[in-house]
Amino acid sequence: MAADIVYIHHDCFALRAAGRTLVFDYPAPAYLPPQAAQAAAPLFRGADLTVFASHSHDDHFDPGILAATREAAARRFVVSDDVADRYADRLPPDALVLEPDAIVTVGGMTVEAMESNDMGLCFRLELAGLSVYFGGDMALWDWPGQSPAAHRAVGMTWRRLLGRLAARPLDVAFSNMDPRLPSLAGAPDFVETLAPAVFVPMHLGGHTEYLARFGERLRRPGTALFAYAAPGDVFPLTA
């Protein structure tokens, strides 16, 4: 089966498999350089498209995605409940709104919603034999100087997520890597613990040079790293 991942910008990626295109966390124009919007447009045109929005932060969702995807052959929207609350009058009436722990079937795939420790959701998907995790803003946000209670809470929610995901293998995992944190927001921990077949670091704000600087901390035997450099870069999957 032909399948691939396309980098757009920040936390926005497309995954194409089995004749379907999934797009995750398409951001507002302030977080979407023209080159990234241009890379995304042909992915949407004529596609059987499922749009995911993990939460309502502007760098993860913009209602302009409706206009951007108007030339799709078919489209469906899967959004967190906070996106629906904030943009109730801007979403299509058939948008699927999920809360934590919901499990649904949509567009030929199974979608499991899990609570984030920031805002909204993260997702685990099963599509055409591929198991996929998309983290949204879920991460090990262990900021220096945070209170001991906050540090414990963040660590607890992060370990709980890893334990939940560890029950089943992952083919593709999108999770945050933030060089402002000594932990890189948990990215090395994620790869070490879960050993996904493909790991996609995200949340870089376009600073793809970070992948060259910190990528070695994410490399493990058996896990391929998508070290993208520019919008439109493609990582082929073998499934």
C-alpha atoms as a PDB file:
ATOM      1  CA  MET A   1       0.000   0.000   0.000  1.00  0.00           C
ATOM      2  CA  ALA A   2       1.370   3.412  -0.951  1.00  0.00           C
ATOM      3  CA  ALA A   3       1.366   5.819   1.986  1.00  0.00           C
ATOM      4  CA  ASP A   4       3.305   8.904   2.996  1.00  0.00           C
ATOM      5  CA  ILE A   5       3.566  11.854   5.374  1.00  0.00           C
ATOM      6  CA  VAL A   6       3.831  15.448   4.177  1.00  0.00           C
ATOM      7  CA  TYR A   7       5.185  18.246   6.360  1.00  0.00           C
ATOM      8  CA  ILE A   8       3.249  21.520   6.101  1.00  0.00           C
ATOM      9  CA  HIS A   9       4.280  23.678   9.103  1.00  0.00           C
ATOM     10  CA  HIS A  10       4.616  23.531  12.885  1.00  0.00           C
ATOM     11  CA  ASP A  11       2.173  20.773  13.981  1.00  0.00           C
ATOM     12  CA  CYS A  12       0.421  20.607  10.609  1.00  0.00           C
ATOM     13  CA  PHE A  13       1.038  17.457   8.598  1.00  0.00           C
ATOM     14  CA  ALA A  14      -0.834  15.379   6.059  1.00  0.00           C
ATOM     15  CA  LEU A  15      -0.897  11.612   6.003  1.00  0.00           C
ATOM     16  CA  ARG A  16      -1.967   9.898   2.779  1.00  0.00           C
ATOM     17  CA  ALA A  17      -2.937   6.223   2.819  1.00  0.00           C
ATOM     18  CA  ALA A  18      -5.408   3.941   1.055  1.00  0.00           C
ATOM     19  CA  GLY A  19      -6.788   6.752  -1.097  1.00  0.00           C
ATOM     20  CA  ARG A  20      -7.486   8.992   1.892  1.00  0.00           C
ATOM     21  CA  THR A  21      -5.773  12.148   3.113  1.00  0.00           C
ATOM     22  CA  LEU A  22      -5.698  13.139   6.764  1.00  0.00           C
ATOM     23  CA  VAL A  23      -4.630  16.653   7.725  1.00  0.00           C
ATOM     24  CA  PHE A  24      -3.788  17.590  11.291  1.00  0.00           C
ATOM     25  CA  ASP A  25      -3.903  20.977  13.052  1.00  0.00           C
ATOM     26  CA  TYR A  26      -4.035  23.436  10.156  1.00  0.00           C
ATOM     27  CA  PRO A  27      -3.135  26.787  11.773  1.00  0.00           C
ATOM     28  CA  ALA A  28      -4.191  30.410  11.466  1.00  0.00           C
ATOM     29  CA  PRO A  29      -2.445  32.583   8.829  1.00  0.00           C
ATOM     30  CA  ALA A  30      -0.090  34.101  11.408  1.00  0.00           C
ATOM     31  CA  TYR A  31       1.368  30.604  11.876  1.00  0.00           C
ATOM     32  CA  LEU A  32       1.180  29.475   8.244  1.00  0.00           C
ATOM     33  CA  PRO A  33       3.817  30.956   5.923  1.00  0.00           C
ATOM     34  CA  PRO A  34       2.788  31.322   2.254  1.00  0.00           C
ATOM     35  CA  GLN A  35       5.135  28.504   1.262  1.00  0.00           C
ATOM     36  CA  ALA A  36       3.345  26.170   3.681  1.00  0.00           C
ATOM     37  CA  ALA A  37      -0.135  27.118   2.432  1.00  0.00           C
ATOM     38  CA  GLN A  38       1.072  26.532  -1.126  1.00  0.00           C
ATOM     39  CA  ALA A  39       2.410  23.100  -0.170  1.00  0.00           C
ATOM     40  CA  ALA A  40      -0.913  22.176   1.436  1.00  0.00           C
ATOM     41  CA  ALA A  41      -3.253  23.283  -1.364  1.00  0.00           C
ATOM     42  CA  PRO A  42      -2.558  20.436  -3.841  1.00  0.00           C
ATOM     43  CA  LEU A  43      -2.914  17.884  -1.041  1.00  0.00           C
ATOM     44  CA  PHE A  44      -6.511  18.986  -0.518  1.00  0.00           C
ATOM     45  CA  ARG A  45      -7.603  19.349  -4.135  1.00  0.00           C
ATOM     46  CA  GLY A  46      -9.707  16.356  -5.190  1.00  0.00           C
ATOM     47  CA  ALA A  47      -8.866  14.427  -2.002  1.00  0.00           C
ATOM     48  CA  ASP A  48     -10.994  12.223   0.214  1.00  0.00           C
ATOM     49  CA  LEU A  49     -10.101  14.361   3.204  1.00  0.00           C
ATOM     50  CA  THR A  50     -10.422  14.116   6.966  1.00  0.00           C
ATOM     51  CA  VAL A  51      -9.441  17.249   8.879  1.00  0.00           C
ATOM     52  CA  PHE A  52      -8.381  16.843  12.523  1.00  0.00           C
ATOM     53  CA  ALA A  53      -8.205  19.714  15.007  1.00  0.00           C
ATOM     54  CA  SER A  54      -6.734  18.719  18.355  1.00  0.00           C
ATOM     55  CA  HIS A  55      -7.574  22.016  20.092  1.00  0.00           C
ATOM     56  CA  SER A  56      -8.409  25.655  19.553  1.00  0.00           C
ATOM     57  CA  HIS A  57      -5.037  27.402  19.937  1.00  0.00           C
ATOM     58  CA  ASP A  58      -4.474  29.525  16.846  1.00  0.00           C
ATOM     59  CA  ASP A  59      -1.276  27.694  15.945  1.00  0.00           C
ATOM     60  CA  HIS A  60      -3.318  24.483  15.700  1.00  0.00           C
ATOM     61  CA  PHE A  61      -6.670  25.490  14.218  1.00  0.00           C
ATOM     62  CA  ASP A  62      -8.153  28.136  11.983  1.00  0.00           C
ATOM     63  CA  PRO A  63     -11.716  28.085  10.600  1.00  0.00           C
ATOM     64  CA  GLY A  64     -10.156  29.158   7.303  1.00  0.00           C
ATOM     65  CA  ILE A  65      -9.468  25.459   6.760  1.00  0.00           C
ATOM     66  CA  LEU A  66     -13.034  25.255   5.408  1.00  0.00           C
ATOM     67  CA  ALA A  67     -12.141  27.589   2.542  1.00  0.00           C
ATOM     68  CA  ALA A  68      -8.736  25.970   2.055  1.00  0.00           C
ATOM     69  CA  THR A  69     -10.339  22.542   1.573  1.00  0.00           C
ATOM     70  CA  ARG A  70     -13.338  23.560  -0.553  1.00  0.00           C
ATOM     71  CA  GLU A  71     -11.927  21.720  -3.606  1.00  0.00           C
ATOM     72  CA  ALA A  72     -11.697  18.376  -1.804  1.00  0.00           C
ATOM     73  CA  ALA A  73     -13.718  15.583  -3.381  1.00  0.00           C
ATOM     74  CA  ALA A  74     -15.059  14.694   0.074  1.00  0.00           C
ATOM     75  CA  ARG A  75     -14.275  16.084   3.479  1.00  0.00           C
ATOM     76  CA  ARG A  76     -15.117  15.503   7.090  1.00  0.00           C
ATOM     77  CA  PHE A  77     -14.026  17.330  10.236  1.00  0.00           C
ATOM     78  CA  VAL A  78     -13.024  15.773  13.553  1.00  0.00           C
ATOM     79  CA  VAL A  79     -12.519  18.389  16.265  1.00  0.00           C
ATOM     80  CA  SER A  80     -12.067  18.643  20.014  1.00  0.00           C
ATOM     81  CA  ASP A  81     -14.915  19.969  22.100  1.00  0.00           C
ATOM     82  CA  ASP A  82     -13.067  23.240  22.818  1.00  0.00           C
ATOM     83  CA  VAL A  83     -12.789  23.904  19.064  1.00  0.00           C
ATOM     84  CA  ALA A  84     -16.542  23.369  18.787  1.00  0.00           C
ATOM     85  CA  ASP A  85     -17.157  25.712  21.731  1.00  0.00           C
ATOM     86  CA  ARG A  86     -15.007  28.496  20.307  1.00  0.00           C
ATOM     87  CA  TYR A  87     -16.074  28.173  16.678  1.00  0.00           C
ATOM     88  CA  ALA A  88     -19.627  26.855  16.951  1.00  0.00           C
ATOM     89  CA  ASP A  89     -20.854  29.092  14.137  1.00  0.00           C
ATOM     90  CA  ARG A  90     -17.841  28.472  11.873  1.00  0.00           C
ATOM     91  CA  LEU A  91     -17.815  24.674  11.654  1.00  0.00           C
ATOM     92  CA  PRO A  92     -19.848  22.555   9.228  1.00  0.00           C
ATOM     93  CA  PRO A  93     -22.978  21.145  10.857  1.00  0.00           C
ATOM     94  CA  ASP A  94     -21.766  17.571  10.434  1.00  0.00           C
ATOM     95  CA  ALA A  95     -18.412  18.134  12.170  1.00  0.00           C
ATOM     96  CA  LEU A  96     -17.673  15.294  14.575  1.00  0.00           C
ATOM     97  CA  VAL A  97     -16.975  16.729  18.029  1.00  0.00           C
ATOM     98  CA  LEU A  98     -14.996  14.518  20.405  1.00  0.00           C
ATOM     99  CA  GLU A  99     -14.340  14.554  24.117  1.00  0.00           C
ATOM    100  CA  PRO A 100     -11.652  12.567  25.955  1.00  0.00           C
ATOM    101  CA  ASP A 101     -12.030   8.767  25.840  1.00  0.00           C
ATOM    102  CA  ALA A 102     -14.410   8.804  22.875  1.00  0.00           C
ATOM    103  CA  ILE A 103     -13.858   6.050  20.311  1.00  0.00           C
ATOM    104  CA  VAL A 104     -15.570   6.480  16.946  1.00  0.00           C
ATOM    105  CA  THR A 105     -15.409   5.240  13.385  1.00  0.00           C
ATOM    106  CA  VAL A 106     -15.201   7.912  10.698  1.00  0.00           C
ATOM    107  CA  GLY A 107     -14.020   7.926   7.098  1.00  0.00           C
ATOM    108  CA  GLY A 108     -13.006   4.285   7.211  1.00  0.00           C
ATOM    109  CA  MET A 109     -10.841   4.641  10.326  1.00  0.00           C
ATOM    110  CA  THR A 110     -11.108   4.181  14.062  1.00  0.00           C
ATOM    111  CA  VAL A 111     -10.382   7.313  16.083  1.00  0.00           C
ATOM    112  CA  GLU A 112      -9.634   7.228  19.801  1.00  0.00           C
ATOM    113  CA  ALA A 113      -9.565  10.596  21.587  1.00  0.00           C
ATOM    114  CA  MET A 114      -7.363  11.080  24.643  1.00  0.00           C
ATOM    115  CA  GLU A 115      -7.108  14.069  26.959  1.00  0.00           C
ATOM    116  CA  SER A 116      -4.162  16.427  26.541  1.00  0.00           C
ATOM    117  CA  ASN A 117      -2.316  17.987  29.484  1.00  0.00           C
ATOM    118  CA  ASP A 118      -2.395  21.356  27.697  1.00  0.00           C
ATOM    119  CA  MET A 119      -5.699  21.875  25.874  1.00  0.00           C
ATOM    120  CA  GLY A 120      -8.005  19.624  23.906  1.00  0.00           C
ATOM    121  CA  LEU A 121      -7.111  16.165  22.712  1.00  0.00           C
ATOM    122  CA  CYS A 122      -4.555  13.830  21.265  1.00  0.00           C
ATOM    123  CA  PHE A 123      -5.608  11.079  18.868  1.00  0.00           C
ATOM    124  CA  ARG A 124      -4.826   7.440  18.179  1.00  0.00           C
ATOM    125  CA  LEU A 125      -5.995   6.250  14.761  1.00  0.00           C
ATOM    126  CA  GLU A 126      -6.264   2.970  12.911  1.00  0.00           C
ATOM    127  CA  LEU A 127      -6.381   3.365   9.135  1.00  0.00           C
ATOM    128  CA  ALA A 128      -5.760   0.732   6.454  1.00  0.00           C
ATOM    129  CA  GLY A 129      -3.449  -1.293   8.664  1.00  0.00           C
ATOM    130  CA  LEU A 130      -1.589   1.736  10.024  1.00  0.00           C
ATOM    131  CA  SER A 131      -1.656   2.714  13.692  1.00  0.00           C
ATOM    132  CA  VAL A 132      -1.053   6.442  14.129  1.00  0.00           C
ATOM    133  CA  TYR A 133      -0.677   8.746  17.137  1.00  0.00           C
ATOM    134  CA  PHE A 134      -1.057  12.520  16.833  1.00  0.00           C
ATOM    135  CA  GLY A 135      -0.270  14.436  20.003  1.00  0.00           C
ATOM    136  CA  GLY A 136      -1.605  17.949  19.458  1.00  0.00           C
ATOM    137  CA  ASP A 137      -0.190  19.941  22.383  1.00  0.00           C
ATOM    138  CA  MET A 138       0.237  16.901  24.629  1.00  0.00           C
ATOM    139  CA  ALA A 139       3.861  16.768  25.839  1.00  0.00           C
ATOM    140  CA  LEU A 140       6.148  16.612  28.829  1.00  0.00           C
ATOM    141  CA  TRP A 141       5.881  20.336  29.557  1.00  0.00           C
ATOM    142  CA  ASP A 142       8.371  20.305  32.435  1.00  0.00           C
ATOM    143  CA  TRP A 143       9.274  23.985  32.339  1.00  0.00           C
ATOM    144  CA  PRO A 144      12.210  25.078  34.515  1.00  0.00           C
ATOM    145  CA  GLY A 145      10.951  27.000  37.517  1.00  0.00           C
ATOM    146  CA  GLN A 146       7.464  25.481  37.610  1.00  0.00           C
ATOM    147  CA  SER A 147       6.153  24.536  41.020  1.00  0.00           C
ATOM    148  CA  PRO A 148       6.810  21.023  42.357  1.00  0.00           C
ATOM    149  CA  ALA A 149       3.075  20.304  42.173  1.00  0.00           C
ATOM    150  CA  ALA A 150       2.902  21.365  38.523  1.00  0.00           C
ATOM    151  CA  HIS A 151       6.013  19.321  37.748  1.00  0.00           C
ATOM    152  CA  ARG A 152       4.476  16.228  39.325  1.00  0.00           C
ATOM    153  CA  ALA A 153       1.154  16.735  37.537  1.00  0.00           C
ATOM    154  CA  VAL A 154       2.779  17.116  34.134  1.00  0.00           C
ATOM    155  CA  GLY A 155       4.957  14.066  34.685  1.00  0.00           C
ATOM    156  CA  MET A 156       2.003  11.996  35.862  1.00  0.00           C
ATOM    157  CA  THR A 157      -0.172  12.816  32.848  1.00  0.00           C
ATOM    158  CA  TRP A 158       2.744  12.156  30.511  1.00  0.00           C
ATOM    159  CA  ARG A 159       3.543   8.755  32.027  1.00  0.00           C
ATOM    160  CA  ARG A 160      -0.142   7.845  31.970  1.00  0.00           C
ATOM    161  CA  LEU A 161      -0.291   8.587  28.240  1.00  0.00           C
ATOM    162  CA  LEU A 162       2.828   6.538  27.499  1.00  0.00           C
ATOM    163  CA  GLY A 163       1.396   3.633  29.463  1.00  0.00           C
ATOM    164  CA  ARG A 164      -1.860   3.813  27.554  1.00  0.00           C
ATOM    165  CA  LEU A 165      -0.126   3.961  24.188  1.00  0.00           C
ATOM    166  CA  ALA A 166       2.284   1.144  25.074  1.00  0.00           C
ATOM    167  CA  ALA A 167      -0.535  -1.414  24.999  1.00  0.00           C
ATOM    168  CA  ARG A 168      -0.429  -1.509  21.169  1.00  0.00           C
ATOM    169  CA  PRO A 169       2.340  -0.955  18.609  1.00  0.00           C
ATOM    170  CA  LEU A 170       2.541   2.344  16.735  1.00  0.00           C
ATOM    171  CA  ASP A 171       3.492   2.674  13.089  1.00  0.00           C
ATOM    172  CA  VAL A 172       3.602   6.483  13.021  1.00  0.00           C
ATOM    173  CA  ALA A 173       3.833   8.884  15.960  1.00  0.00           C
ATOM    174  CA  PHE A 174       3.647  12.690  15.810  1.00  0.00           C
ATOM    175  CA  SER A 175       4.786  14.205  19.109  1.00  0.00           C
ATOM    176  CA  ASN A 176       6.221  17.531  20.239  1.00  0.00           C
ATOM    177  CA  MET A 177       9.921  18.355  20.495  1.00  0.00           C
ATOM    178  CA  ASP A 178      10.692  21.662  22.210  1.00  0.00           C
ATOM    179  CA  PRO A 179      14.375  22.645  22.581  1.00  0.00           C
ATOM    180  CA  ARG A 180      13.448  25.204  25.247  1.00  0.00           C
ATOM    181  CA  LEU A 181      13.087  22.257  27.627  1.00  0.00           C
ATOM    182  CA  PRO A 182      15.968  19.992  28.703  1.00  0.00           C
ATOM    183  CA  SER A 183      13.618  17.046  28.127  1.00  0.00           C
ATOM    184  CA  LEU A 184      12.809  18.265  24.586  1.00  0.00           C
ATOM    185  CA  ALA A 185       9.170  18.091  25.768  1.00  0.00           C
ATOM    186  CA  GLY A 186       9.464  14.332  26.175  1.00  0.00           C
ATOM    187  CA  ALA A 187      10.368  13.447  22.588  1.00  0.00           C
ATOM    188  CA  PRO A 188      13.360  11.205  23.447  1.00  0.00           C
ATOM    189  CA  ASP A 189      11.317   9.597  26.233  1.00  0.00           C
ATOM    190  CA  PHE A 190       8.482   8.907  23.775  1.00  0.00           C
ATOM    191  CA  VAL A 191      10.769   7.177  21.271  1.00  0.00           C
ATOM    192  CA  GLU A 192      12.637   5.207  23.925  1.00  0.00           C
ATOM    193  CA  THR A 193       9.457   3.988  25.624  1.00  0.00           C
ATOM    194  CA  LEU A 194       7.180   3.306  22.653  1.00  0.00           C
ATOM    195  CA  ALA A 195       9.581   2.606  19.750  1.00  0.00           C
ATOM    196  CA  PRO A 196       7.230   3.689  16.942  1.00  0.00           C
ATOM    197  CA  ALA A 197       8.239   2.559  13.477  1.00  0.00           C
ATOM    198  CA  VAL A 198       8.312   6.233  12.379  1.00  0.00           C
ATOM    199  CA  PHE A 199       8.682   9.219  14.678  1.00  0.00           C
ATOM    200  CA  VAL A 200       7.690  12.712  13.524  1.00  0.00           C
ATOM    201  CA  PRO A 201       8.891  15.540  15.801  1.00  0.00           C
ATOM    202  CA  MET A 202       6.666  18.605  15.666  1.00  0.00           C
ATOM    203  CA  HIS A 203       5.828  21.956  17.285  1.00  0.00           C
ATOM    204  CA  LEU A 204       8.972  23.591  15.898  1.00  0.00           C
ATOM    205  CA  GLY A 205       7.360  26.796  14.641  1.00  0.00           C
ATOM    206  CA  GLY A 206       9.141  26.366  11.326  1.00  0.00           C
ATOM    207  CA  HIS A 207      12.593  26.058  12.926  1.00  0.00           C
ATOM    208  CA  THR A 208      13.411  22.834  11.130  1.00  0.00           C
ATOM    209  CA  GLU A 209      17.110  23.389  11.799  1.00  0.00           C
ATOM    210  CA  TYR A 210      16.384  22.061  15.290  1.00  0.00           C
ATOM    211  CA  LEU A 211      16.077  18.589  13.789  1.00  0.00           C
ATOM    212  CA  ALA A 212      19.714  18.712  12.695  1.00  0.00           C
ATOM    213  CA  ARG A 213      20.791  20.000  16.109  1.00  0.00           C
ATOM    214  CA  PHE A 214      18.775  17.639  18.296  1.00  0.00           C
ATOM    215  CA  GLY A 215      17.857  14.752  16.027  1.00  0.00           C
ATOM    216  CA  GLU A 216      20.492  12.409  17.414  1.00  0.00           C
ATOM    217  CA  ARG A 217      18.672  12.423  20.743  1.00  0.00           C
ATOM    218  CA  LEU A 218      15.641  10.965  18.951  1.00  0.00           C
ATOM    219  CA  ARG A 219      17.322   8.188  16.991  1.00  0.00           C
ATOM    220  CA  ARG A 220      16.822   4.624  18.178  1.00  0.00           C
ATOM    221  CA  PRO A 221      17.266   1.284  16.395  1.00  0.00           C
ATOM    222  CA  GLY A 222      14.028   0.301  14.693  1.00  0.00           C
ATOM    223  CA  THR A 223      12.585   3.838  14.613  1.00  0.00           C
ATOM    224  CA  ALA A 224      12.888   6.003  11.506  1.00  0.00           C
ATOM    225  CA  LEU A 225      12.955   9.772  12.028  1.00  0.00           C
ATOM    226  CA  PHE A 226      11.213  12.178   9.642  1.00  0.00           C
ATOM    227  CA  ALA A 227      13.776  15.001   9.589  1.00  0.00           C
ATOM    228  CA  TYR A 228      11.925  17.391   7.288  1.00  0.00           C
ATOM    229  CA  ALA A 229      13.456  20.669   6.167  1.00  0.00           C
ATOM    230  CA  ALA A 230      10.800  22.602   4.228  1.00  0.00           C
ATOM    231  CA  PRO A 231       7.023  22.612   3.666  1.00  0.00           C
ATOM    232  CA  GLY A 232       6.041  19.912   1.212  1.00  0.00           C
ATOM    233  CA  ASP A 233       8.795  17.487   2.259  1.00  0.00           C
ATOM    234  CA  VAL A 234       7.556  13.904   2.010  1.00  0.00           C
ATOM    235  CA  PHE A 235       8.361  10.799   4.040  1.00  0.00           C
ATOM    236  CA  PRO A 236       7.280   7.544   2.318  1.00  0.00           C
ATOM    237  CA  LEU A 237       5.818   4.791   4.465  1.00  0.00           C
ATOM    238  CA  THR A 238       6.003   1.066   3.889  1.00  0.00           C
ATOM    239  CA  ALA A 239       2.820  -0.656   4.964  1.00  0.00           C
END
